[in-house]
Amino acid sequence: MSVPPLDGRKVVVTRSRAQASGLVDRLSGLGAEVVELPVIAVEDPADGGEALGRAVDRLAAGEYQWVAFTSSNAVTRVLSRLADRVVPRSTRWAAVGTGTARALEEAGRPVDLVPGVSVAEELARSFPDAGPGGSPVAGPGGTAGPGGRGTVLFPRAETVRGALVAGLEAKGWLVDEVVAYRTVAGNPPPESLDAAGGADAVAFTSSSTVERALELLGPGRMPPVVVTIGPVTSATARSAGLVVAAEARPHTIEGLVDAVVSALGGPGSGVLP
């Protein structure tokens, strides 16, 4: 019987507890001992979701041509607010990557646009121009133009890079940015921190997980093999002095698992050196 590729290996997963199950299951299925270290948690925005509620009302009323998502957290928050309301068929849905797209599709929302590379800049490049007759004209509060023409709803984290908004505005779109959630520091139990310090590898899924893990563990207790989900997370890790052993390609949970396998010496694929 063949030995699983991660047999005898200990891997740290840094996602929030609510998001960790898929990654944990995949790594465990390959033989890894997984240390769950939820260094971040996802909470409601500071306004309790009032702005998001208003934006979702406008979405249901057909006031946006597009909705653009850069995380599955935003998908969950928007669809929860939307409940069973119908969105006009003319509204189109965009997702930064396959994981985010899957969250929409599993909820019955077919995705119209997923870029080939799962980063915000590529999502913006993949968007069509606003086009003739679709030039954004600011309405009350500078949000949506008349009849929703030329407008994109962007439900996002409290802190986010500006690449998507800048790219969409350069193409003539008016972007209605709404904070859908915020990421706060998690406080894993001491036994999880101790277990993480003796692990073989750590898998990072965002810049915030890198930053908080370093706060909790310090460079001295960081596992020797660092694997990241994409270039932004890699840049954060490197700027903090960590050596990135592998970066997932594609930038998905599946790609991250492949990267962990390859970085630990097993057969894998989809890894950026």
Protein backbone atom coordinates (compact mmCIF):
# COMPACT_ATOMS: atom_id res chain seq x y z
CA MET A 1 0.00 0.00 0.00
CA SER A 2 1.38 3.41 -0.95
CA VAL A 3 2.34 5.89 1.75
CA PRO A 4 0.39 9.20 1.68
CA PRO A 5 2.63 12.06 0.51
CA LEU A 6 2.34 13.98 3.78
CA ASP A 7 2.60 10.97 6.08
CA GLY A 8 4.45 11.91 9.27
CA ARG A 9 4.43 15.62 8.44
CA LYS A 10 2.95 18.31 10.66
CA VAL A 11 1.40 21.30 8.86
CA VAL A 12 0.02 24.49 10.41
CA VAL A 13 -3.20 25.95 8.98
CA THR A 14 -3.68 29.63 9.82
CA ARG A 15 -7.17 30.30 8.45
CA SER A 16 -10.02 31.47 10.64
CA ARG A 17 -11.81 28.53 12.25
CA ALA A 18 -14.93 29.03 10.11
CA GLN A 19 -12.87 28.73 6.91
CA ALA A 20 -10.34 26.09 7.85
CA SER A 21 -12.30 22.87 7.35
CA GLY A 22 -11.72 22.42 3.60
CA LEU A 23 -7.96 22.95 3.84
CA VAL A 24 -7.69 20.78 6.97
CA ASP A 25 -9.61 17.94 5.33
CA ARG A 26 -7.45 17.99 2.20
CA LEU A 27 -4.17 17.98 4.12
CA SER A 28 -5.36 15.32 6.56
CA GLY A 29 -6.45 13.16 3.63
CA LEU A 30 -2.86 13.24 2.38
CA GLY A 31 -1.55 11.98 5.71
CA ALA A 32 -0.60 15.24 7.41
CA GLU A 33 -1.03 15.96 11.09
CA VAL A 34 -2.74 19.35 10.93
CA VAL A 35 -2.28 22.00 13.58
CA GLU A 36 -5.21 24.41 13.47
CA LEU A 37 -3.97 27.86 14.41
CA PRO A 38 -6.81 30.35 13.76
CA VAL A 39 -4.72 33.51 13.91
CA ILE A 40 -7.55 35.65 12.50
CA ALA A 41 -11.32 35.83 12.92
CA VAL A 42 -13.98 37.35 10.68
CA GLU A 43 -16.52 39.72 12.21
CA ASP A 44 -19.23 42.17 11.18
CA PRO A 45 -18.06 45.62 10.05
CA ALA A 46 -17.99 48.47 12.54
CA ASP A 47 -21.45 49.69 11.46
CA GLY A 48 -22.97 46.27 12.11
CA GLY A 49 -23.59 45.76 8.41
CA GLU A 50 -25.92 48.72 7.83
CA ALA A 51 -24.12 49.95 4.71
CA LEU A 52 -23.99 46.42 3.34
CA GLY A 53 -27.72 46.01 3.94
CA ARG A 54 -28.47 49.16 1.95
CA ALA A 55 -26.20 48.04 -0.89
CA VAL A 56 -27.86 44.61 -1.03
CA ASP A 57 -31.25 46.33 -1.23
CA ARG A 58 -29.98 48.24 -4.25
CA LEU A 59 -28.60 45.02 -5.70
CA ALA A 60 -32.01 43.37 -5.48
CA ALA A 61 -33.53 46.46 -7.08
CA GLY A 62 -31.25 46.15 -10.10
CA GLU A 63 -29.11 49.22 -9.43
CA TYR A 64 -25.80 47.53 -10.26
CA GLN A 65 -24.57 46.10 -13.54
CA TRP A 66 -21.90 43.99 -11.82
CA VAL A 67 -20.98 42.64 -8.41
CA ALA A 68 -17.27 41.95 -7.92
CA PHE A 69 -16.01 39.65 -5.18
CA THR A 70 -12.43 39.19 -4.03
CA SER A 71 -13.15 36.77 -1.17
CA SER A 72 -15.58 34.05 -0.18
CA ASN A 73 -16.18 35.95 3.08
CA ALA A 74 -17.78 38.76 1.09
CA VAL A 75 -19.87 36.25 -0.86
CA THR A 76 -21.19 34.75 2.38
CA ARG A 77 -22.09 38.15 3.83
CA VAL A 78 -23.84 39.42 0.71
CA LEU A 79 -25.84 36.26 0.08
CA SER A 80 -26.88 36.10 3.72
CA ARG A 81 -28.30 39.62 3.44
CA LEU A 82 -29.86 38.88 0.08
CA ALA A 83 -31.63 35.76 1.40
CA ASP A 84 -34.22 34.54 -1.11
CA ARG A 85 -34.66 37.83 -2.97
CA VAL A 86 -34.29 37.69 -6.74
CA VAL A 87 -31.57 39.70 -8.46
CA PRO A 88 -32.35 40.84 -12.03
CA ARG A 89 -30.84 38.60 -14.69
CA SER A 90 -29.08 41.59 -16.20
CA THR A 91 -26.80 41.81 -13.14
CA ARG A 92 -23.50 40.04 -13.70
CA TRP A 93 -21.24 38.39 -11.13
CA ALA A 94 -17.43 38.43 -11.03
CA ALA A 95 -15.08 36.50 -8.74
CA VAL A 96 -11.34 36.84 -8.24
CA GLY A 97 -10.71 33.08 -8.28
CA THR A 98 -12.22 29.64 -8.44
CA GLY A 99 -12.76 29.34 -4.69
CA THR A 100 -14.75 32.56 -4.57
CA ALA A 101 -16.60 31.56 -7.73
CA ARG A 102 -17.48 28.21 -6.20
CA ALA A 103 -19.05 29.93 -3.18
CA LEU A 104 -21.34 31.85 -5.55
CA GLU A 105 -22.20 28.89 -7.74
CA GLU A 106 -23.02 26.65 -4.78
CA ALA A 107 -25.56 29.28 -3.78
CA GLY A 108 -27.12 29.24 -7.24
CA ARG A 109 -25.45 32.39 -8.56
CA PRO A 110 -23.74 31.60 -11.90
CA VAL A 111 -20.48 33.50 -12.29
CA ASP A 112 -19.90 35.53 -15.45
CA LEU A 113 -16.23 36.40 -15.00
CA VAL A 114 -13.28 34.65 -13.33
CA PRO A 115 -9.77 35.77 -14.36
CA GLY A 116 -7.06 33.30 -15.25
CA VAL A 117 -4.88 34.51 -12.37
CA SER A 118 -6.49 34.94 -8.96
CA VAL A 119 -5.40 38.48 -8.09
CA ALA A 120 -7.35 41.74 -8.01
CA GLU A 121 -5.28 43.34 -10.77
CA GLU A 122 -6.14 40.52 -13.16
CA LEU A 123 -9.83 40.71 -12.27
CA ALA A 124 -9.80 44.40 -13.16
CA ARG A 125 -7.95 43.71 -16.43
CA SER A 126 -10.53 41.03 -17.32
CA PHE A 127 -13.47 43.39 -16.87
CA PRO A 128 -15.05 44.88 -19.98
CA ASP A 129 -14.99 48.63 -20.47
CA ALA A 130 -18.05 50.48 -19.21
CA GLY A 131 -18.84 51.03 -22.90
CA PRO A 132 -21.04 53.45 -24.81
CA GLY A 133 -24.02 54.52 -22.77
CA GLY A 134 -22.57 52.92 -19.68
CA SER A 135 -20.46 55.82 -18.46
CA PRO A 136 -20.92 56.15 -14.70
CA VAL A 137 -22.81 59.16 -13.48
CA ALA A 138 -22.74 59.62 -9.73
CA GLY A 139 -26.06 59.51 -7.96
CA PRO A 140 -26.91 60.56 -4.38
CA GLY A 141 -23.94 59.94 -2.10
CA GLY A 142 -21.70 59.20 -5.07
CA THR A 143 -22.76 55.56 -5.24
CA ALA A 144 -24.78 54.30 -8.16
CA GLY A 145 -25.58 56.14 -11.36
CA PRO A 146 -29.09 56.49 -12.77
CA GLY A 147 -30.65 53.09 -13.36
CA GLY A 148 -27.45 51.42 -12.15
CA ARG A 149 -25.71 52.13 -15.46
CA GLY A 150 -21.95 51.80 -15.32
CA THR A 151 -21.90 50.73 -11.67
CA VAL A 152 -20.12 47.90 -9.89
CA LEU A 153 -20.82 46.81 -6.32
CA PHE A 154 -17.63 45.81 -4.53
CA PRO A 155 -18.33 44.29 -1.11
CA ARG A 156 -14.98 44.04 0.62
CA ALA A 157 -13.00 43.61 3.81
CA GLU A 158 -12.45 46.64 6.03
CA THR A 159 -8.82 46.80 4.89
CA VAL A 160 -8.08 46.03 1.27
CA ARG A 161 -5.64 46.98 -1.47
CA GLY A 162 -6.93 49.52 -3.98
CA ALA A 163 -5.94 47.63 -7.14
CA LEU A 164 -9.43 46.49 -8.14
CA VAL A 165 -11.12 49.84 -7.68
CA ALA A 166 -8.39 51.72 -9.53
CA GLY A 167 -8.51 49.24 -12.41
CA LEU A 168 -12.29 49.38 -12.74
CA GLU A 169 -12.42 53.17 -12.56
CA ALA A 170 -9.79 53.33 -15.32
CA LYS A 171 -12.25 51.40 -17.49
CA GLY A 172 -15.05 53.86 -16.87
CA TRP A 173 -16.92 52.09 -14.07
CA LEU A 174 -18.28 53.76 -10.97
CA VAL A 175 -17.43 51.49 -8.04
CA ASP A 176 -19.62 51.35 -4.94
CA GLU A 177 -17.27 50.07 -2.24
CA VAL A 178 -19.04 48.65 0.81
CA VAL A 179 -17.38 47.10 3.85
CA ALA A 180 -18.90 43.64 4.26
CA TYR A 181 -16.71 42.32 7.08
CA ARG A 182 -13.55 42.93 9.02
CA THR A 183 -10.66 40.68 9.93
CA VAL A 184 -9.57 40.80 13.56
CA ALA A 185 -6.78 39.11 15.47
CA GLY A 186 -7.47 35.59 16.64
CA ASN A 187 -6.21 34.19 19.93
CA PRO A 188 -5.39 30.49 19.56
CA PRO A 189 -4.93 28.46 22.75
CA PRO A 190 -1.38 28.02 24.12
CA GLU A 191 -1.31 24.33 23.19
CA SER A 192 -1.91 25.21 19.53
CA LEU A 193 0.94 27.72 19.61
CA ASP A 194 3.25 25.11 21.12
CA ALA A 195 2.25 22.55 18.49
CA ALA A 196 2.77 25.08 15.69
CA GLY A 197 6.29 25.78 16.85
CA GLY A 198 7.26 22.16 16.25
CA ALA A 199 5.59 21.79 12.84
CA ASP A 200 7.29 21.08 9.52
CA ALA A 201 5.41 23.67 7.45
CA VAL A 202 2.90 26.51 7.65
CA ALA A 203 0.31 27.36 5.00
CA PHE A 204 -0.66 31.03 4.71
CA THR A 205 -3.85 32.08 2.93
CA SER A 206 -3.60 35.87 3.31
CA SER A 207 -1.30 38.67 4.36
CA SER A 208 -3.24 39.08 7.60
CA THR A 209 -2.50 35.47 8.57
CA VAL A 210 1.21 36.06 8.02
CA GLU A 211 1.25 39.19 10.14
CA ARG A 212 -0.74 37.73 13.03
CA ALA A 213 1.19 34.43 13.04
CA LEU A 214 4.44 36.37 13.35
CA GLU A 215 2.99 38.35 16.25
CA LEU A 216 2.04 35.14 18.04
CA LEU A 217 4.97 32.89 17.19
CA GLY A 218 7.80 35.26 16.35
CA PRO A 219 10.37 34.33 13.71
CA GLY A 220 12.07 31.85 16.03
CA ARG A 221 9.08 29.51 16.33
CA MET A 222 7.89 29.81 12.74
CA PRO A 223 7.91 26.41 10.96
CA PRO A 224 10.88 26.10 8.58
CA VAL A 225 8.82 25.60 5.41
CA VAL A 226 6.57 28.54 4.48
CA VAL A 227 3.96 28.06 1.77
CA THR A 228 1.61 30.78 0.51
CA ILE A 229 -1.52 30.97 -1.58
CA GLY A 230 -0.46 33.80 -3.87
CA PRO A 231 1.91 36.66 -4.73
CA VAL A 232 0.46 39.25 -2.34
CA THR A 233 0.77 36.87 0.61
CA SER A 234 4.28 35.91 -0.53
CA ALA A 235 5.33 39.56 -0.67
CA THR A 236 4.09 40.12 2.88
CA ALA A 237 5.97 37.06 4.12
CA ARG A 238 9.20 38.07 2.39
CA SER A 239 8.98 41.65 3.63
CA ALA A 240 8.79 40.23 7.15
CA GLY A 241 12.00 38.27 6.59
CA LEU A 242 10.48 34.85 5.89
CA VAL A 243 11.73 32.59 3.11
CA VAL A 244 8.83 31.39 0.96
CA ALA A 245 9.43 27.79 -0.06
CA ALA A 246 6.48 27.54 -2.46
CA GLU A 247 3.58 29.57 -3.79
CA ALA A 248 0.39 27.96 -5.01
CA ARG A 249 -0.50 27.91 -8.67
CA PRO A 250 -3.36 28.28 -9.22
CA HIS A 251 -3.93 30.55 -6.24
CA THR A 252 -6.58 28.35 -4.69
CA ILE A 253 -6.91 25.98 -1.73
CA GLU A 254 -6.28 23.07 -4.08
CA GLY A 255 -3.17 24.78 -5.41
CA LEU A 256 -2.02 25.50 -1.86
CA VAL A 257 -2.31 21.83 -0.94
CA ASP A 258 -0.24 20.87 -4.00
CA ALA A 259 2.34 23.48 -3.00
CA VAL A 260 2.60 22.06 0.52
CA VAL A 261 3.13 18.56 -0.88
CA SER A 262 5.86 19.74 -3.24
CA ALA A 263 7.57 21.92 -0.65
CA LEU A 264 7.78 18.97 1.75
CA GLY A 265 9.33 16.75 -0.87
CA GLY A 266 6.35 14.78 -2.15
CA PRO A 267 4.95 14.63 -5.68
CA GLY A 268 2.96 17.77 -6.38
CA SER A 269 2.16 20.32 -9.03
CA GLY A 270 1.33 23.93 -9.57
CA VAL A 271 4.17 25.44 -7.54
CA LEU A 272 5.97 28.68 -8.10
CA PRO A 273 9.57 28.62 -6.83
